[in-house]
Protein backbone atom coordinates (compact mmCIF):
# COMPACT_ATOMS: atom_id res chain seq x y z
CA UNK A 1 -0.09 -0.06 -0.21
CA UNK A 2 1.86 3.55 -1.09
CA UNK A 3 1.98 5.87 1.74
CA UNK A 4 -0.24 8.90 1.88
CA UNK A 5 2.22 10.96 0.17
CA UNK A 6 2.51 9.03 -2.79
CA UNK A 7 0.90 10.17 -6.33
CA UNK A 8 0.54 6.56 -6.94
CA UNK A 9 -2.86 5.85 -8.47
CA UNK A 10 -3.12 9.60 -9.20
CA UNK A 11 -5.26 10.15 -12.49
CA UNK A 12 -5.09 13.45 -13.82
CA UNK A 13 -8.25 15.73 -14.13
CA UNK A 14 -8.95 18.38 -16.91
CA UNK A 15 -11.91 20.64 -17.53
CA UNK A 16 -13.71 20.26 -21.07
CA UNK A 17 -13.61 24.27 -22.50
CA UNK A 18 -16.91 24.09 -23.77
CA UNK A 19 -19.08 21.87 -20.88
CA UNK A 20 -16.81 22.63 -18.05
CA UNK A 21 -17.35 18.85 -17.48
CA UNK A 22 -14.04 17.60 -15.19
CA UNK A 23 -12.70 14.32 -17.03
CA UNK A 24 -10.02 12.34 -16.31
CA UNK A 25 -6.96 13.90 -18.77
CA UNK A 26 -7.23 10.65 -21.40
CA UNK A 27 -11.07 10.91 -22.00
CA UNK A 28 -10.24 14.18 -23.37
CA UNK A 29 -8.91 15.49 -26.71
CA UNK A 30 -6.10 18.02 -26.32
CA UNK A 31 -5.61 20.61 -28.77
CA UNK A 32 -3.83 24.41 -29.38
CA UNK A 33 -4.50 26.99 -31.27
CA UNK A 34 -2.02 27.81 -33.73
CA UNK A 35 -2.73 30.93 -36.39
CA UNK A 36 -5.56 31.50 -34.93
CA UNK A 37 -6.60 27.67 -35.32
CA UNK A 38 -7.91 25.09 -33.20
CA UNK A 39 -5.29 22.23 -34.08
CA UNK A 40 -6.19 18.90 -32.53
CA UNK A 41 -2.75 17.25 -30.50
CA UNK A 42 -2.82 13.86 -30.49
CA UNK A 43 0.17 13.03 -28.91
CA UNK A 44 0.70 15.88 -26.61
CA UNK A 45 3.56 17.29 -27.46
CA UNK A 46 2.66 20.81 -28.80
CA UNK A 47 4.49 23.87 -26.66
CA UNK A 48 1.62 26.02 -27.16
CA UNK A 49 -0.92 25.89 -23.84
CA UNK A 50 -3.34 23.36 -24.23
CA UNK A 51 -6.93 23.46 -24.13
CA UNK A 52 -9.20 20.26 -23.64
CA UNK A 53 -12.19 19.22 -25.26
CA UNK A 54 -15.16 15.95 -24.93
CA UNK A 55 -14.68 13.42 -27.21
CA UNK A 56 -18.57 13.83 -27.94
CA UNK A 57 -20.17 15.52 -31.03
CA UNK A 58 -22.22 18.53 -29.45
CA UNK A 59 -18.80 19.78 -27.51
CA UNK A 60 -16.60 19.21 -31.23
CA UNK A 61 -19.37 20.97 -32.75
CA UNK A 62 -18.87 24.00 -30.70
CA UNK A 63 -15.48 24.40 -30.78
CA UNK A 64 -15.58 27.04 -33.61
CA UNK A 65 -17.63 29.19 -31.50
CA UNK A 66 -15.81 29.12 -28.71
CA UNK A 67 -12.57 29.90 -30.54
CA UNK A 68 -14.53 33.17 -31.98
CA UNK A 69 -15.62 34.23 -28.67
CA UNK A 70 -12.08 33.72 -26.88
CA UNK A 71 -10.26 35.27 -29.68
CA UNK A 72 -12.49 38.24 -29.80
CA UNK A 73 -12.01 38.08 -25.80
CA UNK A 74 -8.24 38.75 -26.48
CA UNK A 75 -8.54 41.73 -29.02
CA UNK A 76 -9.48 43.61 -25.87
């Protein structure tokens, strides 16, 4: 049995930027924003800030809308 300070068995969680649901990192798709476009990072190697989204159609269809809102917010 690992001691209390051990990270054994820890599964990192991330939040979907669309629905705000917290899930285990491996259950979400990671993407980065390159040249104002969402590019999926299947190998988790892009150096830019990563964003996570659920692997379901409802959230995937909302990425463009979220990206426009984010770009608009960053211009101010």
